[in-house]
């Protein structure tokens, strides 16, 4: 493939009114120009462009809208994505808290100490062991959390026990601990606690961390192709779905790319064990009913998704 020639970026900044006029020139129907200008005042043109991209004609780089494309459709899609990120973040939060709890519980009991992280044998490598100690030490030193401050006033050990100090660790750091566990058998009870086989744990948690970070940074979520994706369950222990029906072959890598539907299903599956009364699946259905403009095919939903065992269990 021929290498493209780079050019200097020479676009100049435009006022919010000029941005509205530019969209109109590109064939986008704007029902209320004052409202559109106000929306662009608080949600940048560049951010919203992610949501009107599906409304562009081919070739999309010419940035001309399809006949009948409306500004309000793009904005409704933006609102859907915002609501979708919120409920997905809350769903992942439950899994993050459960995994943190299980790591603390399992290792504390295995090594019979809340300070088990000081035991080098708990980890695969010495560098990670030192890295974790440094992270915990720095976090305890810098935090203003009341429960840590209260601990430091009373006890000698600089790093609090895991049931306190691990509350300061990010989900990504919890994932690193799982990846660096000294014995793979340590993953078994943690995996069981969220309804998974231990060979799937790292893959699924890594996918949840990836999506959680998109949610936390307000990124586009609804139609992304997962650059980090979960491994398929071969022997599900509870209602599941057919083989991924939303796989798209990537010609450049020969890999198959999954859409957000895969993560939605994985979250519902794990939450069924962690919190059988969770409402995430129903919340997803409610959002799809509210935002009829959303083409769920772009999210990876197959045509028969409601007849899948996992979803039938949600809907009942």
C-alpha atoms as a PDB file:
ATOM      1  CA  UNK A   1       0.000   0.000   0.000  1.00  0.00           C
ATOM      2  CA  UNK A   2       1.380   3.408  -1.023  1.00  0.00           C
ATOM      3  CA  UNK A   3       2.439   5.663   1.808  1.00  0.00           C
ATOM      4  CA  UNK A   4       0.286   8.808   2.041  1.00  0.00           C
ATOM      5  CA  UNK A   5       1.957  12.211   1.870  1.00  0.00           C
ATOM      6  CA  UNK A   6       1.550  14.322   4.985  1.00  0.00           C
ATOM      7  CA  UNK A   7       0.558  17.980   4.758  1.00  0.00           C
ATOM      8  CA  UNK A   8       0.446  20.853   7.218  1.00  0.00           C
ATOM      9  CA  UNK A   9      -2.730  21.302   9.249  1.00  0.00           C
ATOM     10  CA  UNK A  10      -4.078  24.698   8.217  1.00  0.00           C
ATOM     11  CA  UNK A  11      -7.661  24.791   9.502  1.00  0.00           C
ATOM     12  CA  UNK A  12      -8.442  27.897  11.533  1.00  0.00           C
ATOM     13  CA  UNK A  13     -10.684  28.093  14.636  1.00  0.00           C
ATOM     14  CA  UNK A  14     -14.356  28.899  14.003  1.00  0.00           C
ATOM     15  CA  UNK A  15     -16.937  30.555  16.198  1.00  0.00           C
ATOM     16  CA  UNK A  16     -19.842  28.422  17.383  1.00  0.00           C
ATOM     17  CA  UNK A  17     -22.118  30.177  14.877  1.00  0.00           C
ATOM     18  CA  UNK A  18     -19.630  29.468  12.079  1.00  0.00           C
ATOM     19  CA  UNK A  19     -19.570  25.807  13.117  1.00  0.00           C
ATOM     20  CA  UNK A  20     -23.359  25.636  12.698  1.00  0.00           C
ATOM     21  CA  UNK A  21     -23.131  27.269   9.254  1.00  0.00           C
ATOM     22  CA  UNK A  22     -20.390  24.828   8.240  1.00  0.00           C
ATOM     23  CA  UNK A  23     -22.600  21.869   9.144  1.00  0.00           C
ATOM     24  CA  UNK A  24     -25.455  23.332   7.126  1.00  0.00           C
ATOM     25  CA  UNK A  25     -23.172  23.767   4.099  1.00  0.00           C
ATOM     26  CA  UNK A  26     -22.285  20.105   4.443  1.00  0.00           C
ATOM     27  CA  UNK A  27     -25.949  19.171   4.065  1.00  0.00           C
ATOM     28  CA  UNK A  28     -26.827  18.534   7.734  1.00  0.00           C
ATOM     29  CA  UNK A  29     -30.389  19.536   8.602  1.00  0.00           C
ATOM     30  CA  UNK A  30     -30.438  21.753  11.695  1.00  0.00           C
ATOM     31  CA  UNK A  31     -33.940  22.227  13.006  1.00  0.00           C
ATOM     32  CA  UNK A  32     -33.062  24.897  15.585  1.00  0.00           C
ATOM     33  CA  UNK A  33     -29.853  26.821  14.934  1.00  0.00           C
ATOM     34  CA  UNK A  34     -29.824  28.609  18.300  1.00  0.00           C
ATOM     35  CA  UNK A  35     -30.131  25.282  20.122  1.00  0.00           C
ATOM     36  CA  UNK A  36     -27.407  23.724  17.951  1.00  0.00           C
ATOM     37  CA  UNK A  37     -25.106  26.668  18.684  1.00  0.00           C
ATOM     38  CA  UNK A  38     -25.719  26.317  22.408  1.00  0.00           C
ATOM     39  CA  UNK A  39     -24.985  22.578  22.283  1.00  0.00           C
ATOM     40  CA  UNK A  40     -21.718  23.228  20.437  1.00  0.00           C
ATOM     41  CA  UNK A  41     -20.849  25.830  23.071  1.00  0.00           C
ATOM     42  CA  UNK A  42     -20.716  23.153  25.763  1.00  0.00           C
ATOM     43  CA  UNK A  43     -19.970  19.999  23.764  1.00  0.00           C
ATOM     44  CA  UNK A  44     -17.145  20.494  21.307  1.00  0.00           C
ATOM     45  CA  UNK A  45     -17.554  20.118  17.552  1.00  0.00           C
ATOM     46  CA  UNK A  46     -14.819  17.484  17.547  1.00  0.00           C
ATOM     47  CA  UNK A  47     -16.514  15.403  20.257  1.00  0.00           C
ATOM     48  CA  UNK A  48     -19.904  15.542  18.530  1.00  0.00           C
ATOM     49  CA  UNK A  49     -18.326  14.614  15.197  1.00  0.00           C
ATOM     50  CA  UNK A  50     -17.958  11.066  16.555  1.00  0.00           C
ATOM     51  CA  UNK A  51     -21.745  10.854  16.644  1.00  0.00           C
ATOM     52  CA  UNK A  52     -22.605  12.362  13.278  1.00  0.00           C
ATOM     53  CA  UNK A  53     -19.943  10.234  11.543  1.00  0.00           C
ATOM     54  CA  UNK A  54     -22.516   7.472  10.763  1.00  0.00           C
ATOM     55  CA  UNK A  55     -24.643  10.149   9.052  1.00  0.00           C
ATOM     56  CA  UNK A  56     -21.937  11.015   6.493  1.00  0.00           C
ATOM     57  CA  UNK A  57     -22.030   9.924   2.870  1.00  0.00           C
ATOM     58  CA  UNK A  58     -19.316   7.743   1.399  1.00  0.00           C
ATOM     59  CA  UNK A  59     -16.492   8.603   1.028  1.00  0.00           C
ATOM     60  CA  UNK A  60     -16.737   9.879   4.584  1.00  0.00           C
ATOM     61  CA  UNK A  61     -13.524  11.905   4.460  1.00  0.00           C
ATOM     62  CA  UNK A  62     -15.372  14.445   2.267  1.00  0.00           C
ATOM     63  CA  UNK A  63     -17.622  15.143   5.281  1.00  0.00           C
ATOM     64  CA  UNK A  64     -20.868  15.563   3.333  1.00  0.00           C
ATOM     65  CA  UNK A  65     -24.015  14.367   5.081  1.00  0.00           C
ATOM     66  CA  UNK A  66     -26.560  11.947   3.678  1.00  0.00           C
ATOM     67  CA  UNK A  67     -29.836  13.392   2.487  1.00  0.00           C
ATOM     68  CA  UNK A  68     -32.162  13.876   5.441  1.00  0.00           C
ATOM     69  CA  UNK A  69     -29.400  13.647   8.083  1.00  0.00           C
ATOM     70  CA  UNK A  70     -30.322  15.720  11.147  1.00  0.00           C
ATOM     71  CA  UNK A  71     -28.273  17.412  13.869  1.00  0.00           C
ATOM     72  CA  UNK A  72     -30.768  16.222  16.455  1.00  0.00           C
ATOM     73  CA  UNK A  73     -30.137  12.586  15.475  1.00  0.00           C
ATOM     74  CA  UNK A  74     -26.423  12.995  16.210  1.00  0.00           C
ATOM     75  CA  UNK A  75     -27.166  14.742  19.500  1.00  0.00           C
ATOM     76  CA  UNK A  76     -29.598  12.031  20.580  1.00  0.00           C
ATOM     77  CA  UNK A  77     -26.891   9.467  19.841  1.00  0.00           C
ATOM     78  CA  UNK A  78     -24.509  11.498  22.006  1.00  0.00           C
ATOM     79  CA  UNK A  79     -27.079  11.492  24.829  1.00  0.00           C
ATOM     80  CA  UNK A  80     -27.566   7.745  24.472  1.00  0.00           C
ATOM     81  CA  UNK A  81     -23.825   7.146  24.673  1.00  0.00           C
ATOM     82  CA  UNK A  82     -23.592   9.293  27.806  1.00  0.00           C
ATOM     83  CA  UNK A  83     -26.392   7.346  29.517  1.00  0.00           C
ATOM     84  CA  UNK A  84     -24.940   4.052  28.300  1.00  0.00           C
ATOM     85  CA  UNK A  85     -21.501   4.895  29.711  1.00  0.00           C
ATOM     86  CA  UNK A  86     -23.066   5.760  33.068  1.00  0.00           C
ATOM     87  CA  UNK A  87     -24.855   2.446  33.561  1.00  0.00           C
ATOM     88  CA  UNK A  88     -21.900   0.468  32.173  1.00  0.00           C
ATOM     89  CA  UNK A  89     -19.480   2.229  34.522  1.00  0.00           C
ATOM     90  CA  UNK A  90     -21.748   1.402  37.450  1.00  0.00           C
ATOM     91  CA  UNK A  91     -21.917  -2.237  36.358  1.00  0.00           C
ATOM     92  CA  UNK A  92     -18.120  -2.501  36.106  1.00  0.00           C
ATOM     93  CA  UNK A  93     -17.804  -0.792  39.486  1.00  0.00           C
ATOM     94  CA  UNK A  94     -19.592  -3.740  41.107  1.00  0.00           C
ATOM     95  CA  UNK A  95     -17.133  -6.160  39.524  1.00  0.00           C
ATOM     96  CA  UNK A  96     -14.119  -4.036  40.493  1.00  0.00           C
ATOM     97  CA  UNK A  97     -15.220  -3.954  44.135  1.00  0.00           C
ATOM     98  CA  UNK A  98     -15.886  -7.709  44.118  1.00  0.00           C
ATOM     99  CA  UNK A  99     -12.465  -8.502  42.625  1.00  0.00           C
ATOM    100  CA  UNK A 100     -10.705  -6.220  45.115  1.00  0.00           C
ATOM    101  CA  UNK A 101     -12.573  -7.878  47.989  1.00  0.00           C
ATOM    102  CA  UNK A 102     -11.678 -11.371  46.771  1.00  0.00           C
ATOM    103  CA  UNK A 103      -7.982 -10.559  46.234  1.00  0.00           C
ATOM    104  CA  UNK A 104      -7.717  -9.161  49.762  1.00  0.00           C
ATOM    105  CA  UNK A 105      -9.662 -12.061  51.287  1.00  0.00           C
ATOM    106  CA  UNK A 106      -7.915 -14.903  49.453  1.00  0.00           C
ATOM    107  CA  UNK A 107      -4.318 -13.753  49.868  1.00  0.00           C
ATOM    108  CA  UNK A 108      -4.788 -12.548  53.450  1.00  0.00           C
ATOM    109  CA  UNK A 109      -6.063 -15.996  54.437  1.00  0.00           C
ATOM    110  CA  UNK A 110      -3.494 -17.874  52.374  1.00  0.00           C
ATOM    111  CA  UNK A 111      -0.583 -16.037  54.008  1.00  0.00           C
ATOM    112  CA  UNK A 112      -2.434 -15.525  57.310  1.00  0.00           C
ATOM    113  CA  UNK A 113      -1.650 -11.819  57.336  1.00  0.00           C
ATOM    114  CA  UNK A 114      -3.089  -8.533  56.148  1.00  0.00           C
ATOM    115  CA  UNK A 115       0.463  -7.664  55.093  1.00  0.00           C
ATOM    116  CA  UNK A 116       0.741 -10.598  52.672  1.00  0.00           C
ATOM    117  CA  UNK A 117       1.904  -8.254  49.895  1.00  0.00           C
ATOM    118  CA  UNK A 118       5.253  -8.023  51.747  1.00  0.00           C
ATOM    119  CA  UNK A 119       5.816 -11.705  50.939  1.00  0.00           C
ATOM    120  CA  UNK A 120       7.789 -11.926  47.700  1.00  0.00           C
ATOM    121  CA  UNK A 121       6.533 -15.474  47.083  1.00  0.00           C
ATOM    122  CA  UNK A 122       3.036 -14.112  46.402  1.00  0.00           C
ATOM    123  CA  UNK A 123       4.254 -12.763  43.045  1.00  0.00           C
ATOM    124  CA  UNK A 124       5.893 -14.086  39.900  1.00  0.00           C
ATOM    125  CA  UNK A 125       8.733 -11.601  39.747  1.00  0.00           C
ATOM    126  CA  UNK A 126      10.821  -9.530  42.116  1.00  0.00           C
ATOM    127  CA  UNK A 127      10.443  -6.331  40.000  1.00  0.00           C
ATOM    128  CA  UNK A 128       6.645  -6.445  40.285  1.00  0.00           C
ATOM    129  CA  UNK A 129       6.884  -7.146  44.017  1.00  0.00           C
ATOM    130  CA  UNK A 130       9.027  -4.003  44.485  1.00  0.00           C
ATOM    131  CA  UNK A 131       6.798  -1.988  42.157  1.00  0.00           C
ATOM    132  CA  UNK A 132       3.695  -2.890  44.175  1.00  0.00           C
ATOM    133  CA  UNK A 133       5.362  -2.042  47.494  1.00  0.00           C
ATOM    134  CA  UNK A 134       6.427   1.332  46.103  1.00  0.00           C
ATOM    135  CA  UNK A 135       2.919   1.982  44.796  1.00  0.00           C
ATOM    136  CA  UNK A 136       1.290   1.102  48.128  1.00  0.00           C
ATOM    137  CA  UNK A 137       3.844   3.142  50.058  1.00  0.00           C
ATOM    138  CA  UNK A 138       3.413   6.225  47.892  1.00  0.00           C
ATOM    139  CA  UNK A 139      -0.383   5.937  47.942  1.00  0.00           C
ATOM    140  CA  UNK A 140      -0.435   5.696  51.743  1.00  0.00           C
ATOM    141  CA  UNK A 141       1.886   8.682  51.978  1.00  0.00           C
ATOM    142  CA  UNK A 142       0.011  10.963  49.586  1.00  0.00           C
ATOM    143  CA  UNK A 143      -3.632  10.127  50.317  1.00  0.00           C
ATOM    144  CA  UNK A 144      -5.850  12.320  52.441  1.00  0.00           C
ATOM    145  CA  UNK A 145      -8.380   9.542  52.990  1.00  0.00           C
ATOM    146  CA  UNK A 146      -9.590   9.674  56.577  1.00  0.00           C
ATOM    147  CA  UNK A 147      -9.364   5.910  57.187  1.00  0.00           C
ATOM    148  CA  UNK A 148      -5.680   5.910  56.177  1.00  0.00           C
ATOM    149  CA  UNK A 149      -4.871   9.035  58.206  1.00  0.00           C
ATOM    150  CA  UNK A 150      -6.501   7.459  61.254  1.00  0.00           C
ATOM    151  CA  UNK A 151      -4.452   4.265  60.741  1.00  0.00           C
ATOM    152  CA  UNK A 152      -1.141   6.164  60.507  1.00  0.00           C
ATOM    153  CA  UNK A 153      -1.822   7.964  63.764  1.00  0.00           C
ATOM    154  CA  UNK A 154      -2.090   4.653  65.631  1.00  0.00           C
ATOM    155  CA  UNK A 155       0.107   1.994  64.001  1.00  0.00           C
ATOM    156  CA  UNK A 156       3.820   1.571  63.311  1.00  0.00           C
ATOM    157  CA  UNK A 157       3.745  -0.102  59.872  1.00  0.00           C
ATOM    158  CA  UNK A 158       3.984   2.507  57.130  1.00  0.00           C
ATOM    159  CA  UNK A 159       1.821   0.570  54.641  1.00  0.00           C
ATOM    160  CA  UNK A 160      -1.595  -0.335  56.097  1.00  0.00           C
ATOM    161  CA  UNK A 161      -2.895  -3.925  55.791  1.00  0.00           C
ATOM    162  CA  UNK A 162      -4.336  -4.911  52.426  1.00  0.00           C
ATOM    163  CA  UNK A 163      -7.956  -4.398  53.474  1.00  0.00           C
ATOM    164  CA  UNK A 164      -7.100  -0.726  53.897  1.00  0.00           C
ATOM    165  CA  UNK A 165      -4.221  -0.013  51.491  1.00  0.00           C
ATOM    166  CA  UNK A 166      -5.789  -1.865  48.543  1.00  0.00           C
ATOM    167  CA  UNK A 167      -8.746   0.525  48.614  1.00  0.00           C
ATOM    168  CA  UNK A 168      -6.300   3.047  47.103  1.00  0.00           C
ATOM    169  CA  UNK A 169      -5.415   0.846  44.128  1.00  0.00           C
ATOM    170  CA  UNK A 170      -7.005   1.302  40.710  1.00  0.00           C
ATOM    171  CA  UNK A 171      -8.775  -1.499  38.867  1.00  0.00           C
ATOM    172  CA  UNK A 172      -5.809  -1.587  36.502  1.00  0.00           C
ATOM    173  CA  UNK A 173      -3.465  -2.274  39.413  1.00  0.00           C
ATOM    174  CA  UNK A 174      -5.737  -5.039  40.693  1.00  0.00           C
ATOM    175  CA  UNK A 175      -5.495  -6.566  37.218  1.00  0.00           C
ATOM    176  CA  UNK A 176      -1.693  -6.342  37.418  1.00  0.00           C
ATOM    177  CA  UNK A 177      -1.767  -8.246  40.727  1.00  0.00           C
ATOM    178  CA  UNK A 178      -3.832 -11.009  39.122  1.00  0.00           C
ATOM    179  CA  UNK A 179      -1.444 -11.178  36.164  1.00  0.00           C
ATOM    180  CA  UNK A 180       1.536 -11.393  38.495  1.00  0.00           C
ATOM    181  CA  UNK A 181       0.154 -13.868  41.019  1.00  0.00           C
ATOM    182  CA  UNK A 182       2.899 -16.306  41.999  1.00  0.00           C
ATOM    183  CA  UNK A 183       0.688 -19.376  41.611  1.00  0.00           C
ATOM    184  CA  UNK A 184      -2.087 -19.692  39.017  1.00  0.00           C
ATOM    185  CA  UNK A 185      -4.123 -21.625  41.600  1.00  0.00           C
ATOM    186  CA  UNK A 186      -4.563 -18.331  43.447  1.00  0.00           C
ATOM    187  CA  UNK A 187      -6.826 -17.232  40.605  1.00  0.00           C
ATOM    188  CA  UNK A 188      -9.258 -20.120  41.055  1.00  0.00           C
ATOM    189  CA  UNK A 189     -11.240 -18.885  44.102  1.00  0.00           C
ATOM    190  CA  UNK A 190     -11.229 -15.317  42.775  1.00  0.00           C
ATOM    191  CA  UNK A 191     -12.556 -16.511  39.399  1.00  0.00           C
ATOM    192  CA  UNK A 192     -15.259 -18.650  41.002  1.00  0.00           C
ATOM    193  CA  UNK A 193     -16.456 -15.666  43.006  1.00  0.00           C
ATOM    194  CA  UNK A 194     -17.516 -13.924  39.794  1.00  0.00           C
ATOM    195  CA  UNK A 195     -18.725 -17.076  38.011  1.00  0.00           C
ATOM    196  CA  UNK A 196     -15.745 -17.708  35.718  1.00  0.00           C
ATOM    197  CA  UNK A 197     -13.179 -20.414  35.009  1.00  0.00           C
ATOM    198  CA  UNK A 198      -9.756 -19.194  36.107  1.00  0.00           C
ATOM    199  CA  UNK A 199      -8.409 -19.352  32.533  1.00  0.00           C
ATOM    200  CA  UNK A 200     -10.889 -16.630  31.541  1.00  0.00           C
ATOM    201  CA  UNK A 201     -10.314 -14.308  34.483  1.00  0.00           C
ATOM    202  CA  UNK A 202      -7.444 -12.190  33.127  1.00  0.00           C
ATOM    203  CA  UNK A 203      -9.044 -11.777  29.692  1.00  0.00           C
ATOM    204  CA  UNK A 204     -12.405 -10.676  31.065  1.00  0.00           C
ATOM    205  CA  UNK A 205     -11.006  -8.364  33.744  1.00  0.00           C
ATOM    206  CA  UNK A 206      -8.649  -6.807  31.204  1.00  0.00           C
ATOM    207  CA  UNK A 207     -11.640  -6.115  28.936  1.00  0.00           C
ATOM    208  CA  UNK A 208     -13.618  -4.597  31.810  1.00  0.00           C
ATOM    209  CA  UNK A 209     -10.686  -2.342  32.763  1.00  0.00           C
ATOM    210  CA  UNK A 210     -10.406  -1.195  29.139  1.00  0.00           C
ATOM    211  CA  UNK A 211     -14.104  -0.297  28.925  1.00  0.00           C
ATOM    212  CA  UNK A 212     -14.107   1.199  32.426  1.00  0.00           C
ATOM    213  CA  UNK A 213     -11.349   3.616  31.371  1.00  0.00           C
ATOM    214  CA  UNK A 214     -13.323   4.687  28.297  1.00  0.00           C
ATOM    215  CA  UNK A 215     -16.309   5.406  30.546  1.00  0.00           C
ATOM    216  CA  UNK A 216     -14.201   7.274  33.109  1.00  0.00           C
ATOM    217  CA  UNK A 217     -12.737   9.549  30.419  1.00  0.00           C
ATOM    218  CA  UNK A 218     -16.082  10.157  28.697  1.00  0.00           C
ATOM    219  CA  UNK A 219     -14.999   8.482  25.471  1.00  0.00           C
ATOM    220  CA  UNK A 220     -17.261   7.178  22.719  1.00  0.00           C
ATOM    221  CA  UNK A 221     -18.449   3.710  23.696  1.00  0.00           C
ATOM    222  CA  UNK A 222     -21.590   2.712  21.814  1.00  0.00           C
ATOM    223  CA  UNK A 223     -20.050   1.513  18.523  1.00  0.00           C
ATOM    224  CA  UNK A 224     -16.379   0.960  19.281  1.00  0.00           C
ATOM    225  CA  UNK A 225     -14.451  -2.061  18.057  1.00  0.00           C
ATOM    226  CA  UNK A 226     -12.828  -3.640  21.089  1.00  0.00           C
ATOM    227  CA  UNK A 227      -9.046  -3.454  20.919  1.00  0.00           C
ATOM    228  CA  UNK A 228      -9.033  -5.599  24.069  1.00  0.00           C
ATOM    229  CA  UNK A 229     -11.694  -8.289  24.028  1.00  0.00           C
ATOM    230  CA  UNK A 230     -12.872 -11.141  26.284  1.00  0.00           C
ATOM    231  CA  UNK A 231     -12.164 -14.808  25.592  1.00  0.00           C
ATOM    232  CA  UNK A 232     -15.165 -16.931  24.679  1.00  0.00           C
ATOM    233  CA  UNK A 233     -16.747 -19.166  27.367  1.00  0.00           C
ATOM    234  CA  UNK A 234     -16.671 -22.797  26.244  1.00  0.00           C
ATOM    235  CA  UNK A 235     -18.602 -24.233  29.195  1.00  0.00           C
ATOM    236  CA  UNK A 236     -20.892 -21.573  30.690  1.00  0.00           C
ATOM    237  CA  UNK A 237     -22.279 -22.297  34.142  1.00  0.00           C
ATOM    238  CA  UNK A 238     -25.411 -20.229  33.602  1.00  0.00           C
ATOM    239  CA  UNK A 239     -27.500 -18.864  30.686  1.00  0.00           C
ATOM    240  CA  UNK A 240     -25.223 -17.546  27.951  1.00  0.00           C
ATOM    241  CA  UNK A 241     -25.360 -16.623  24.247  1.00  0.00           C
ATOM    242  CA  UNK A 242     -24.516 -18.313  20.947  1.00  0.00           C
ATOM    243  CA  UNK A 243     -21.048 -17.962  19.489  1.00  0.00           C
ATOM    244  CA  UNK A 244     -20.173 -14.277  19.001  1.00  0.00           C
ATOM    245  CA  UNK A 245     -22.359 -13.263  16.095  1.00  0.00           C
ATOM    246  CA  UNK A 246     -20.902  -9.800  15.870  1.00  0.00           C
ATOM    247  CA  UNK A 247     -17.385 -10.708  14.844  1.00  0.00           C
ATOM    248  CA  UNK A 248     -15.940  -8.635  12.036  1.00  0.00           C
ATOM    249  CA  UNK A 249     -12.797  -9.750  10.287  1.00  0.00           C
ATOM    250  CA  UNK A 250     -10.010  -7.195  10.241  1.00  0.00           C
ATOM    251  CA  UNK A 251      -8.263  -7.677   6.893  1.00  0.00           C
ATOM    252  CA  UNK A 252      -5.080  -5.957   8.061  1.00  0.00           C
ATOM    253  CA  UNK A 253      -4.511  -8.265  11.032  1.00  0.00           C
ATOM    254  CA  UNK A 254      -6.661 -11.336  10.252  1.00  0.00           C
ATOM    255  CA  UNK A 255      -8.111 -10.888  13.748  1.00  0.00           C
ATOM    256  CA  UNK A 256     -11.781 -10.747  14.550  1.00  0.00           C
ATOM    257  CA  UNK A 257     -12.977  -7.566  16.170  1.00  0.00           C
ATOM    258  CA  UNK A 258     -15.783  -7.579  18.687  1.00  0.00           C
ATOM    259  CA  UNK A 259     -18.205  -4.771  19.417  1.00  0.00           C
ATOM    260  CA  UNK A 260     -19.528  -3.558  22.760  1.00  0.00           C
ATOM    261  CA  UNK A 261     -22.302  -6.197  22.702  1.00  0.00           C
ATOM    262  CA  UNK A 262     -19.674  -8.707  23.845  1.00  0.00           C
ATOM    263  CA  UNK A 263     -18.856  -6.643  26.935  1.00  0.00           C
ATOM    264  CA  UNK A 264     -22.532  -6.078  27.746  1.00  0.00           C
ATOM    265  CA  UNK A 265     -23.087  -9.845  27.714  1.00  0.00           C
ATOM    266  CA  UNK A 266     -19.995 -10.511  29.835  1.00  0.00           C
ATOM    267  CA  UNK A 267     -21.074  -7.931  32.408  1.00  0.00           C
ATOM    268  CA  UNK A 268     -24.565  -9.417  32.661  1.00  0.00           C
ATOM    269  CA  UNK A 269     -23.027 -12.890  33.043  1.00  0.00           C
ATOM    270  CA  UNK A 270     -20.674 -11.903  35.902  1.00  0.00           C
ATOM    271  CA  UNK A 271     -23.190  -9.707  37.670  1.00  0.00           C
ATOM    272  CA  UNK A 272     -25.591 -12.629  37.825  1.00  0.00           C
ATOM    273  CA  UNK A 273     -23.155 -14.228  40.293  1.00  0.00           C
ATOM    274  CA  UNK A 274     -21.998 -11.082  42.101  1.00  0.00           C
ATOM    275  CA  UNK A 275     -25.411  -9.473  42.443  1.00  0.00           C
ATOM    276  CA  UNK A 276     -28.345 -11.617  41.236  1.00  0.00           C
ATOM    277  CA  UNK A 277     -30.649  -8.633  41.728  1.00  0.00           C
ATOM    278  CA  UNK A 278     -28.646  -6.244  39.542  1.00  0.00           C
ATOM    279  CA  UNK A 279     -30.578  -4.323  36.896  1.00  0.00           C
ATOM    280  CA  UNK A 280     -27.862  -3.721  34.281  1.00  0.00           C
ATOM    281  CA  UNK A 281     -29.401  -5.869  31.542  1.00  0.00           C
ATOM    282  CA  UNK A 282     -32.816  -4.297  32.062  1.00  0.00           C
ATOM    283  CA  UNK A 283     -31.235  -0.837  32.047  1.00  0.00           C
ATOM    284  CA  UNK A 284     -29.637  -1.573  28.666  1.00  0.00           C
ATOM    285  CA  UNK A 285     -33.000  -2.671  27.233  1.00  0.00           C
ATOM    286  CA  UNK A 286     -34.687   0.415  28.677  1.00  0.00           C
ATOM    287  CA  UNK A 287     -32.112   2.694  27.036  1.00  0.00           C
ATOM    288  CA  UNK A 288     -32.510   0.993  23.658  1.00  0.00           C
ATOM    289  CA  UNK A 289     -36.271   1.486  23.922  1.00  0.00           C
ATOM    290  CA  UNK A 290     -35.795   5.158  24.842  1.00  0.00           C
ATOM    291  CA  UNK A 291     -33.369   5.913  22.010  1.00  0.00           C
ATOM    292  CA  UNK A 292     -34.984   4.342  18.976  1.00  0.00           C
ATOM    293  CA  UNK A 293     -32.524   6.244  16.720  1.00  0.00           C
ATOM    294  CA  UNK A 294     -29.681   3.960  17.789  1.00  0.00           C
ATOM    295  CA  UNK A 295     -28.818   1.284  15.237  1.00  0.00           C
ATOM    296  CA  UNK A 296     -27.887  -1.582  17.550  1.00  0.00           C
ATOM    297  CA  UNK A 297     -26.208  -3.446  14.701  1.00  0.00           C
ATOM    298  CA  UNK A 298     -23.333  -0.974  15.126  1.00  0.00           C
ATOM    299  CA  UNK A 299     -23.072  -2.161  18.745  1.00  0.00           C
ATOM    300  CA  UNK A 300     -22.778  -5.767  17.578  1.00  0.00           C
ATOM    301  CA  UNK A 301     -26.267  -6.930  18.575  1.00  0.00           C
ATOM    302  CA  UNK A 302     -27.374  -9.866  16.403  1.00  0.00           C
ATOM    303  CA  UNK A 303     -30.923  -9.953  15.058  1.00  0.00           C
ATOM    304  CA  UNK A 304     -31.963 -12.715  17.443  1.00  0.00           C
ATOM    305  CA  UNK A 305     -30.401 -11.232  20.577  1.00  0.00           C
ATOM    306  CA  UNK A 306     -33.622 -11.233  22.588  1.00  0.00           C
ATOM    307  CA  UNK A 307     -34.039 -14.981  22.047  1.00  0.00           C
ATOM    308  CA  UNK A 308     -30.585 -15.773  23.445  1.00  0.00           C
ATOM    309  CA  UNK A 309     -30.645 -17.642  26.816  1.00  0.00           C
ATOM    310  CA  UNK A 310     -28.772 -14.822  28.574  1.00  0.00           C
ATOM    311  CA  UNK A 311     -31.245 -12.167  27.433  1.00  0.00           C
ATOM    312  CA  UNK A 312     -34.316 -14.328  27.957  1.00  0.00           C
ATOM    313  CA  UNK A 313     -33.208 -14.613  31.550  1.00  0.00           C
ATOM    314  CA  UNK A 314     -32.904 -10.788  31.754  1.00  0.00           C
ATOM    315  CA  UNK A 315     -36.271 -10.113  30.126  1.00  0.00           C
ATOM    316  CA  UNK A 316     -38.332 -12.651  32.061  1.00  0.00           C
END
